[in-house]
Amino acid sequence: MMPKTTVKIIGFLFCIVLFANCKKEGCIDETALNYDPKAKVNDFSCVYAGDPYIGTYEVTDSLYMPMLTEISTVYQKVNIVGTGSDTLYLTHYRNTDYDLIIVMGGDSFTVPEQEIWEDQSVSGSGFYRNDSLFYLISGPDYDNRGNGGKF
């Protein structure tokens, strides 16, 4: 039988080794808003700049040509999707298979110039207010103005 002192010392050393090997959990992605530099184990709690805006929106998108003449209106459901810190995607732009990259900046975003159908490039900007999406996306000789609420 071991003396009580030896059992206490072994127990104490076991506790020290156990606690020394515990790794702090938290968000380990440096691009997340809640990045924890002390965290060593990912607990999947990361929050990104675009998270509140991800979802499905019912949008009315109107096409304008020179002289600000409205020539068509498209009703559509678009999705804001993404996993990056500030880069999201506006999917099914104007009911097509094209997805636009949008870059968040607070509650507003930019649409960097990017090529879509028939070698046309578009760019623009937009913002969010009260679960609603508003944007102006321009191409060669036209503007698309869209707005709609979260579905």
N, C-alpha and C. Protein backbone atom coordinates (compact mmCIF):
# COMPACT_ATOMS: atom_id res chain seq x y z
N MET A 1 0.83 -1.17 0.00
CA MET A 1 0.00 0.00 0.00
C MET A 1 0.89 1.25 0.00
N MET A 2 0.51 2.25 -0.86
CA MET A 2 1.31 3.48 -0.98
C MET A 2 0.96 4.44 0.16
N PRO A 3 1.97 5.17 0.61
CA PRO A 3 1.69 6.17 1.63
C PRO A 3 0.80 7.27 1.06
N LYS A 4 0.02 7.91 1.95
CA LYS A 4 -0.91 8.98 1.54
C LYS A 4 -0.18 10.13 0.84
N THR A 5 0.99 10.44 1.27
CA THR A 5 1.76 11.52 0.67
C THR A 5 2.09 11.20 -0.78
N THR A 6 2.46 9.99 -1.09
CA THR A 6 2.79 9.58 -2.45
C THR A 6 1.55 9.66 -3.33
N VAL A 7 0.40 9.24 -2.82
CA VAL A 7 -0.85 9.30 -3.59
C VAL A 7 -1.20 10.76 -3.88
N LYS A 8 -1.03 11.63 -2.88
CA LYS A 8 -1.32 13.06 -3.08
C LYS A 8 -0.40 13.67 -4.13
N ILE A 9 0.88 13.31 -4.07
CA ILE A 9 1.85 13.86 -5.04
C ILE A 9 1.51 13.37 -6.45
N ILE A 10 1.18 12.08 -6.59
CA ILE A 10 0.82 11.54 -7.91
C ILE A 10 -0.45 12.22 -8.42
N GLY A 11 -1.42 12.40 -7.55
CA GLY A 11 -2.66 13.09 -7.93
C GLY A 11 -2.41 14.52 -8.34
N PHE A 12 -1.55 15.22 -7.60
CA PHE A 12 -1.21 16.61 -7.91
C PHE A 12 -0.50 16.70 -9.26
N LEU A 13 0.46 15.83 -9.50
CA LEU A 13 1.18 15.82 -10.78
C LEU A 13 0.23 15.48 -11.95
N PHE A 14 -0.69 14.56 -11.72
CA PHE A 14 -1.67 14.21 -12.75
C PHE A 14 -2.52 15.43 -13.12
N CYS A 15 -2.95 16.19 -12.11
CA CYS A 15 -3.75 17.40 -12.37
C CYS A 15 -2.95 18.44 -13.15
N ILE A 16 -1.69 18.62 -12.80
CA ILE A 16 -0.84 19.58 -13.51
C ILE A 16 -0.70 19.18 -14.98
N VAL A 17 -0.42 17.91 -15.24
CA VAL A 17 -0.27 17.43 -16.62
C VAL A 17 -1.58 17.58 -17.37
N LEU A 18 -2.69 17.27 -16.73
CA LEU A 18 -4.01 17.37 -17.37
C LEU A 18 -4.32 18.80 -17.77
N PHE A 19 -4.13 19.74 -16.86
CA PHE A 19 -4.43 21.14 -17.16
C PHE A 19 -3.42 21.76 -18.12
N ALA A 20 -2.19 21.33 -18.06
CA ALA A 20 -1.18 21.87 -18.97
C ALA A 20 -1.46 21.46 -20.42
N ASN A 21 -2.08 20.30 -20.59
CA ASN A 21 -2.37 19.82 -21.94
C ASN A 21 -3.71 20.30 -22.48
N CYS A 22 -4.52 20.96 -21.67
CA CYS A 22 -5.80 21.49 -22.15
C CYS A 22 -5.52 22.66 -23.10
N LYS A 23 -6.17 22.64 -24.22
CA LYS A 23 -5.99 23.71 -25.20
C LYS A 23 -7.25 24.56 -25.23
N LYS A 24 -7.05 25.86 -25.24
CA LYS A 24 -8.17 26.80 -25.24
C LYS A 24 -8.96 26.69 -26.54
N GLU A 25 -10.28 26.57 -26.41
CA GLU A 25 -11.15 26.54 -27.58
C GLU A 25 -11.58 27.95 -27.93
N GLY A 26 -11.90 28.17 -29.21
CA GLY A 26 -12.37 29.47 -29.67
C GLY A 26 -12.29 29.54 -31.18
N CYS A 27 -12.44 30.72 -31.70
CA CYS A 27 -12.36 30.94 -33.14
C CYS A 27 -10.89 31.12 -33.52
N ILE A 28 -10.40 30.25 -34.40
CA ILE A 28 -8.98 30.31 -34.78
C ILE A 28 -8.76 30.88 -36.18
N ASP A 29 -9.84 31.40 -36.82
CA ASP A 29 -9.74 31.98 -38.15
C ASP A 29 -9.44 33.48 -38.02
N GLU A 30 -8.25 33.89 -38.47
CA GLU A 30 -7.83 35.28 -38.34
C GLU A 30 -8.72 36.26 -39.09
N THR A 31 -9.49 35.80 -40.07
CA THR A 31 -10.35 36.70 -40.83
C THR A 31 -11.71 36.91 -40.17
N ALA A 32 -12.01 36.19 -39.11
CA ALA A 32 -13.30 36.30 -38.43
C ALA A 32 -13.32 37.51 -37.50
N LEU A 33 -14.52 38.01 -37.25
CA LEU A 33 -14.67 39.16 -36.36
C LEU A 33 -14.31 38.82 -34.92
N ASN A 34 -14.51 37.57 -34.53
CA ASN A 34 -14.25 37.17 -33.14
C ASN A 34 -13.02 36.25 -33.01
N TYR A 35 -12.04 36.48 -33.86
CA TYR A 35 -10.79 35.71 -33.81
C TYR A 35 -10.17 35.81 -32.41
N ASP A 36 -9.75 34.68 -31.87
CA ASP A 36 -9.12 34.64 -30.55
C ASP A 36 -7.69 34.11 -30.73
N PRO A 37 -6.69 34.99 -30.63
CA PRO A 37 -5.30 34.54 -30.84
C PRO A 37 -4.84 33.54 -29.78
N LYS A 38 -5.52 33.46 -28.66
CA LYS A 38 -5.13 32.51 -27.60
C LYS A 38 -5.73 31.12 -27.84
N ALA A 39 -6.75 31.05 -28.71
CA ALA A 39 -7.42 29.77 -28.97
C ALA A 39 -6.50 28.86 -29.77
N LYS A 40 -6.51 27.60 -29.41
CA LYS A 40 -5.71 26.60 -30.11
C LYS A 40 -6.60 25.54 -30.77
N VAL A 41 -7.85 25.44 -30.35
CA VAL A 41 -8.78 24.45 -30.89
C VAL A 41 -10.01 25.18 -31.42
N ASN A 42 -10.37 24.91 -32.67
CA ASN A 42 -11.53 25.55 -33.29
C ASN A 42 -12.82 25.00 -32.67
N ASP A 43 -13.65 25.91 -32.14
CA ASP A 43 -14.93 25.48 -31.59
C ASP A 43 -16.09 25.84 -32.52
N PHE A 44 -15.77 26.26 -33.75
CA PHE A 44 -16.75 26.59 -34.80
C PHE A 44 -17.67 27.73 -34.39
N SER A 45 -17.15 28.68 -33.65
CA SER A 45 -17.93 29.83 -33.21
C SER A 45 -17.62 31.09 -34.02
N CYS A 46 -16.83 30.97 -35.08
CA CYS A 46 -16.40 32.14 -35.85
C CYS A 46 -17.60 32.89 -36.44
N VAL A 47 -17.51 34.21 -36.38
CA VAL A 47 -18.53 35.09 -36.94
C VAL A 47 -17.85 35.95 -37.99
N TYR A 48 -18.46 36.05 -39.17
CA TYR A 48 -17.88 36.80 -40.28
C TYR A 48 -18.70 38.04 -40.59
N ALA A 49 -18.06 39.01 -41.25
CA ALA A 49 -18.71 40.28 -41.54
C ALA A 49 -20.00 40.12 -42.32
N GLY A 50 -20.05 39.15 -43.22
CA GLY A 50 -21.23 38.99 -44.07
C GLY A 50 -22.35 38.16 -43.48
N ASP A 51 -22.12 37.51 -42.34
CA ASP A 51 -23.11 36.58 -41.80
C ASP A 51 -24.53 37.13 -41.69
N PRO A 52 -24.75 38.34 -41.19
CA PRO A 52 -26.14 38.79 -41.04
C PRO A 52 -26.86 38.96 -42.38
N TYR A 53 -26.11 39.03 -43.47
CA TYR A 53 -26.71 39.32 -44.77
C TYR A 53 -26.96 38.07 -45.61
N ILE A 54 -26.42 36.94 -45.17
CA ILE A 54 -26.62 35.69 -45.90
C ILE A 54 -28.08 35.30 -45.80
N GLY A 55 -28.68 34.94 -46.92
CA GLY A 55 -30.08 34.52 -46.94
C GLY A 55 -30.67 34.66 -48.32
N THR A 56 -31.99 34.48 -48.40
CA THR A 56 -32.72 34.59 -49.66
C THR A 56 -33.52 35.88 -49.65
N TYR A 57 -33.49 36.59 -50.77
CA TYR A 57 -34.20 37.86 -50.91
C TYR A 57 -35.14 37.78 -52.10
N GLU A 58 -36.32 38.35 -51.98
CA GLU A 58 -37.22 38.53 -53.12
C GLU A 58 -36.94 39.92 -53.65
N VAL A 59 -36.45 39.99 -54.87
CA VAL A 59 -35.94 41.24 -55.43
C VAL A 59 -36.72 41.64 -56.68
N THR A 60 -37.00 42.93 -56.79
CA THR A 60 -37.50 43.52 -58.03
C THR A 60 -36.30 44.21 -58.66
N ASP A 61 -35.92 43.77 -59.85
CA ASP A 61 -34.75 44.28 -60.55
C ASP A 61 -35.22 44.93 -61.84
N SER A 62 -34.99 46.23 -61.94
CA SER A 62 -35.41 46.97 -63.14
C SER A 62 -34.20 47.34 -63.98
N LEU A 63 -34.34 47.14 -65.29
CA LEU A 63 -33.27 47.45 -66.24
C LEU A 63 -33.55 48.81 -66.85
N TYR A 64 -32.54 49.70 -66.81
CA TYR A 64 -32.64 51.04 -67.37
C TYR A 64 -31.59 51.21 -68.45
N MET A 65 -31.98 51.86 -69.54
CA MET A 65 -31.06 52.16 -70.65
C MET A 65 -30.79 53.67 -70.64
N PRO A 66 -29.96 54.17 -71.55
CA PRO A 66 -29.68 55.61 -71.58
C PRO A 66 -30.96 56.44 -71.55
N MET A 67 -30.87 57.59 -70.99
CA MET A 67 -31.99 58.50 -70.80
C MET A 67 -32.91 57.99 -69.68
N LEU A 68 -32.42 57.02 -68.88
CA LEU A 68 -33.13 56.49 -67.72
C LEU A 68 -34.51 55.93 -68.05
N THR A 69 -34.63 55.27 -69.18
CA THR A 69 -35.87 54.64 -69.58
C THR A 69 -35.90 53.21 -69.08
N GLU A 70 -36.92 52.88 -68.30
CA GLU A 70 -37.06 51.52 -67.81
C GLU A 70 -37.55 50.65 -68.95
N ILE A 71 -36.84 49.56 -69.22
CA ILE A 71 -37.27 48.71 -70.33
C ILE A 71 -37.72 47.33 -69.89
N SER A 72 -37.33 46.89 -68.69
CA SER A 72 -37.83 45.60 -68.22
C SER A 72 -37.69 45.51 -66.71
N THR A 73 -38.57 44.75 -66.13
CA THR A 73 -38.53 44.48 -64.70
C THR A 73 -38.54 42.98 -64.50
N VAL A 74 -37.66 42.50 -63.64
CA VAL A 74 -37.56 41.07 -63.36
C VAL A 74 -37.82 40.88 -61.87
N TYR A 75 -38.73 39.96 -61.54
CA TYR A 75 -38.95 39.58 -60.15
C TYR A 75 -38.19 38.28 -59.94
N GLN A 76 -37.39 38.25 -58.91
CA GLN A 76 -36.53 37.09 -58.73
C GLN A 76 -36.26 36.84 -57.26
N LYS A 77 -35.80 35.64 -56.99
CA LYS A 77 -35.26 35.31 -55.68
C LYS A 77 -33.77 35.19 -55.87
N VAL A 78 -33.03 35.93 -55.08
CA VAL A 78 -31.58 35.81 -55.11
C VAL A 78 -31.11 35.36 -53.74
N ASN A 79 -29.99 34.71 -53.73
CA ASN A 79 -29.40 34.27 -52.48
C ASN A 79 -28.09 34.99 -52.27
N ILE A 80 -27.85 35.36 -51.04
CA ILE A 80 -26.54 35.84 -50.65
C ILE A 80 -25.90 34.66 -49.91
N VAL A 81 -24.80 34.17 -50.44
CA VAL A 81 -24.13 33.02 -49.85
C VAL A 81 -22.65 33.33 -49.71
N GLY A 82 -21.96 32.57 -48.88
CA GLY A 82 -20.52 32.74 -48.76
C GLY A 82 -19.99 32.19 -47.47
N THR A 83 -18.71 32.02 -47.44
CA THR A 83 -18.05 31.53 -46.24
C THR A 83 -16.85 32.38 -45.86
N GLY A 84 -16.52 33.35 -46.67
CA GLY A 84 -15.36 34.18 -46.39
C GLY A 84 -15.71 35.33 -45.47
N SER A 85 -14.70 36.04 -45.05
CA SER A 85 -14.91 37.11 -44.08
C SER A 85 -15.68 38.28 -44.67
N ASP A 86 -15.33 38.71 -45.85
CA ASP A 86 -16.03 39.86 -46.42
C ASP A 86 -16.44 39.64 -47.87
N THR A 87 -16.21 38.47 -48.41
CA THR A 87 -16.58 38.17 -49.79
C THR A 87 -17.77 37.23 -49.80
N LEU A 88 -18.85 37.69 -50.43
CA LEU A 88 -20.07 36.89 -50.53
C LEU A 88 -20.44 36.80 -52.01
N TYR A 89 -21.50 36.08 -52.31
CA TYR A 89 -21.93 35.91 -53.69
C TYR A 89 -23.43 36.18 -53.80
N LEU A 90 -23.79 36.98 -54.79
CA LEU A 90 -25.19 37.22 -55.13
C LEU A 90 -25.50 36.23 -56.26
N THR A 91 -26.27 35.21 -55.93
CA THR A 91 -26.49 34.13 -56.90
C THR A 91 -27.70 34.40 -57.78
N HIS A 92 -27.70 33.82 -58.96
CA HIS A 92 -28.81 33.87 -59.92
C HIS A 92 -29.16 35.30 -60.32
N TYR A 93 -28.14 36.11 -60.57
CA TYR A 93 -28.34 37.50 -60.96
C TYR A 93 -29.24 37.59 -62.18
N ARG A 94 -30.30 38.34 -62.09
CA ARG A 94 -31.33 38.54 -63.13
C ARG A 94 -31.86 37.20 -63.66
N ASN A 95 -32.10 36.26 -62.76
CA ASN A 95 -32.64 34.94 -63.10
C ASN A 95 -31.77 34.18 -64.09
N THR A 96 -30.48 34.34 -63.97
CA THR A 96 -29.54 33.63 -64.84
C THR A 96 -28.72 32.67 -63.98
N ASP A 97 -27.80 31.99 -64.60
CA ASP A 97 -26.88 31.12 -63.87
C ASP A 97 -25.64 31.87 -63.38
N TYR A 98 -25.64 33.19 -63.52
CA TYR A 98 -24.48 33.98 -63.14
C TYR A 98 -24.55 34.38 -61.68
N ASP A 99 -23.43 34.27 -61.01
CA ASP A 99 -23.29 34.69 -59.62
C ASP A 99 -22.31 35.85 -59.59
N LEU A 100 -22.65 36.89 -58.84
CA LEU A 100 -21.77 38.04 -58.72
C LEU A 100 -21.05 38.01 -57.38
N ILE A 101 -19.78 38.32 -57.42
CA ILE A 101 -19.01 38.47 -56.19
C ILE A 101 -19.36 39.84 -55.61
N ILE A 102 -19.65 39.87 -54.31
CA ILE A 102 -19.86 41.15 -53.63
C ILE A 102 -18.92 41.19 -52.43
N VAL A 103 -18.37 42.37 -52.17
CA VAL A 103 -17.40 42.54 -51.09
C VAL A 103 -18.01 43.46 -50.05
N MET A 104 -18.17 42.92 -48.84
CA MET A 104 -18.81 43.64 -47.75
C MET A 104 -17.91 44.72 -47.18
N GLY A 105 -18.56 45.77 -46.69
CA GLY A 105 -17.91 46.84 -45.95
C GLY A 105 -18.93 47.41 -44.99
N GLY A 106 -19.07 46.83 -43.82
CA GLY A 106 -20.16 47.21 -42.91
C GLY A 106 -21.47 46.70 -43.47
N ASP A 107 -22.47 47.58 -43.55
CA ASP A 107 -23.75 47.16 -44.11
C ASP A 107 -23.89 47.56 -45.58
N SER A 108 -22.78 47.88 -46.21
CA SER A 108 -22.79 48.17 -47.65
C SER A 108 -21.83 47.21 -48.34
N PHE A 109 -21.93 47.18 -49.66
CA PHE A 109 -21.05 46.29 -50.41
C PHE A 109 -20.72 46.89 -51.76
N THR A 110 -19.65 46.38 -52.35
CA THR A 110 -19.30 46.75 -53.72
C THR A 110 -19.36 45.50 -54.58
N VAL A 111 -19.62 45.73 -55.84
CA VAL A 111 -19.59 44.66 -56.84
C VAL A 111 -18.38 45.00 -57.72
N PRO A 112 -17.24 44.37 -57.47
CA PRO A 112 -16.08 44.67 -58.30
C PRO A 112 -16.35 44.29 -59.75
N GLU A 113 -15.68 44.95 -60.67
CA GLU A 113 -15.91 44.65 -62.09
C GLU A 113 -15.65 43.17 -62.35
N GLN A 114 -16.63 42.54 -63.00
CA GLN A 114 -16.53 41.12 -63.33
C GLN A 114 -17.31 40.81 -64.59
N GLU A 115 -16.82 39.84 -65.31
CA GLU A 115 -17.43 39.48 -66.59
C GLU A 115 -18.61 38.53 -66.36
N ILE A 116 -19.71 38.82 -67.07
CA ILE A 116 -20.86 37.91 -67.04
C ILE A 116 -21.22 37.57 -68.48
N TRP A 117 -22.47 37.36 -68.79
CA TRP A 117 -22.87 36.86 -70.11
C TRP A 117 -22.33 37.68 -71.27
N GLU A 118 -22.12 36.99 -72.38
CA GLU A 118 -21.69 37.57 -73.66
C GLU A 118 -20.53 38.55 -73.51
N ASP A 119 -19.57 38.20 -72.71
CA ASP A 119 -18.38 39.01 -72.51
C ASP A 119 -18.67 40.41 -72.01
N GLN A 120 -19.75 40.59 -71.30
CA GLN A 120 -20.07 41.89 -70.71
C GLN A 120 -19.56 41.94 -69.28
N SER A 121 -19.07 43.10 -68.89
CA SER A 121 -18.62 43.30 -67.52
C SER A 121 -19.60 44.18 -66.78
N VAL A 122 -19.78 43.91 -65.52
CA VAL A 122 -20.64 44.72 -64.67
C VAL A 122 -19.87 45.10 -63.41
N SER A 123 -20.33 46.14 -62.75
CA SER A 123 -19.80 46.54 -61.45
C SER A 123 -20.88 47.36 -60.77
N GLY A 124 -20.70 47.62 -59.50
CA GLY A 124 -21.71 48.41 -58.81
C GLY A 124 -21.51 48.43 -57.31
N SER A 125 -22.61 48.72 -56.64
CA SER A 125 -22.58 48.81 -55.18
C SER A 125 -23.98 48.60 -54.65
N GLY A 126 -24.07 48.47 -53.35
CA GLY A 126 -25.36 48.29 -52.72
C GLY A 126 -25.24 48.38 -51.22
N PHE A 127 -26.38 48.21 -50.55
CA PHE A 127 -26.39 48.26 -49.09
C PHE A 127 -27.58 47.49 -48.55
N TYR A 128 -27.57 47.28 -47.25
CA TYR A 128 -28.64 46.58 -46.55
C TYR A 128 -29.26 47.52 -45.53
N ARG A 129 -30.57 47.45 -45.40
CA ARG A 129 -31.29 48.18 -44.36
C ARG A 129 -32.47 47.33 -43.93
N ASN A 130 -32.58 47.08 -42.66
CA ASN A 130 -33.74 46.37 -42.10
C ASN A 130 -34.09 45.11 -42.88
N ASP A 131 -33.13 44.23 -43.06
CA ASP A 131 -33.31 42.96 -43.79
C ASP A 131 -33.71 43.15 -45.25
N SER A 132 -33.39 44.30 -45.84
CA SER A 132 -33.66 44.54 -47.26
C SER A 132 -32.36 44.84 -47.99
N LEU A 133 -32.33 44.44 -49.24
CA LEU A 133 -31.16 44.56 -50.11
C LEU A 133 -31.47 45.61 -51.17
N PHE A 134 -30.54 46.53 -51.41
CA PHE A 134 -30.67 47.56 -52.45
C PHE A 134 -29.36 47.58 -53.23
N TYR A 135 -29.46 47.63 -54.57
CA TYR A 135 -28.22 47.68 -55.34
C TYR A 135 -28.41 48.42 -56.65
N LEU A 136 -27.29 48.91 -57.18
CA LEU A 136 -27.19 49.50 -58.51
C LEU A 136 -26.00 48.82 -59.16
N ILE A 137 -26.28 48.04 -60.20
CA ILE A 137 -25.24 47.31 -60.93
C ILE A 137 -25.28 47.80 -62.37
N SER A 138 -24.14 48.22 -62.86
CA SER A 138 -24.08 48.82 -64.20
C SER A 138 -23.25 47.97 -65.14
N GLY A 139 -23.71 47.94 -66.38
CA GLY A 139 -22.98 47.30 -67.46
C GLY A 139 -22.79 48.32 -68.56
N PRO A 140 -22.38 47.87 -69.75
CA PRO A 140 -22.21 48.82 -70.85
C PRO A 140 -23.57 49.38 -71.27
N ASP A 141 -23.77 50.64 -71.07
CA ASP A 141 -24.99 51.34 -71.50
C ASP A 141 -26.26 50.90 -70.79
N TYR A 142 -26.18 50.36 -69.60
CA TYR A 142 -27.40 50.06 -68.84
C TYR A 142 -27.12 50.02 -67.35
N ASP A 143 -28.18 50.17 -66.58
CA ASP A 143 -28.14 50.04 -65.12
C ASP A 143 -29.20 49.05 -64.69
N ASN A 144 -28.89 48.27 -63.69
CA ASN A 144 -29.88 47.43 -63.02
C ASN A 144 -30.05 47.97 -61.62
N ARG A 145 -31.28 48.29 -61.26
CA ARG A 145 -31.58 48.76 -59.91
C ARG A 145 -32.45 47.72 -59.26
N GLY A 146 -31.97 47.19 -58.18
CA GLY A 146 -32.72 46.12 -57.51
C GLY A 146 -32.94 46.44 -56.04
N ASN A 147 -34.05 45.92 -55.53
CA ASN A 147 -34.31 46.01 -54.11
C ASN A 147 -35.31 44.95 -53.72
N GLY A 148 -35.22 44.52 -52.49
CA GLY A 148 -36.15 43.52 -52.00
C GLY A 148 -35.80 43.08 -50.60
N GLY A 149 -36.77 42.46 -49.96
CA GLY A 149 -36.62 42.04 -48.58
C GLY A 149 -36.21 40.59 -48.43
N LYS A 150 -35.72 40.28 -47.25
CA LYS A 150 -35.30 38.93 -46.93
C LYS A 150 -36.54 38.04 -46.88
N PHE A 151 -36.41 36.86 -47.43
CA PHE A 151 -37.52 35.91 -47.57
C PHE A 151 -37.56 34.99 -46.38
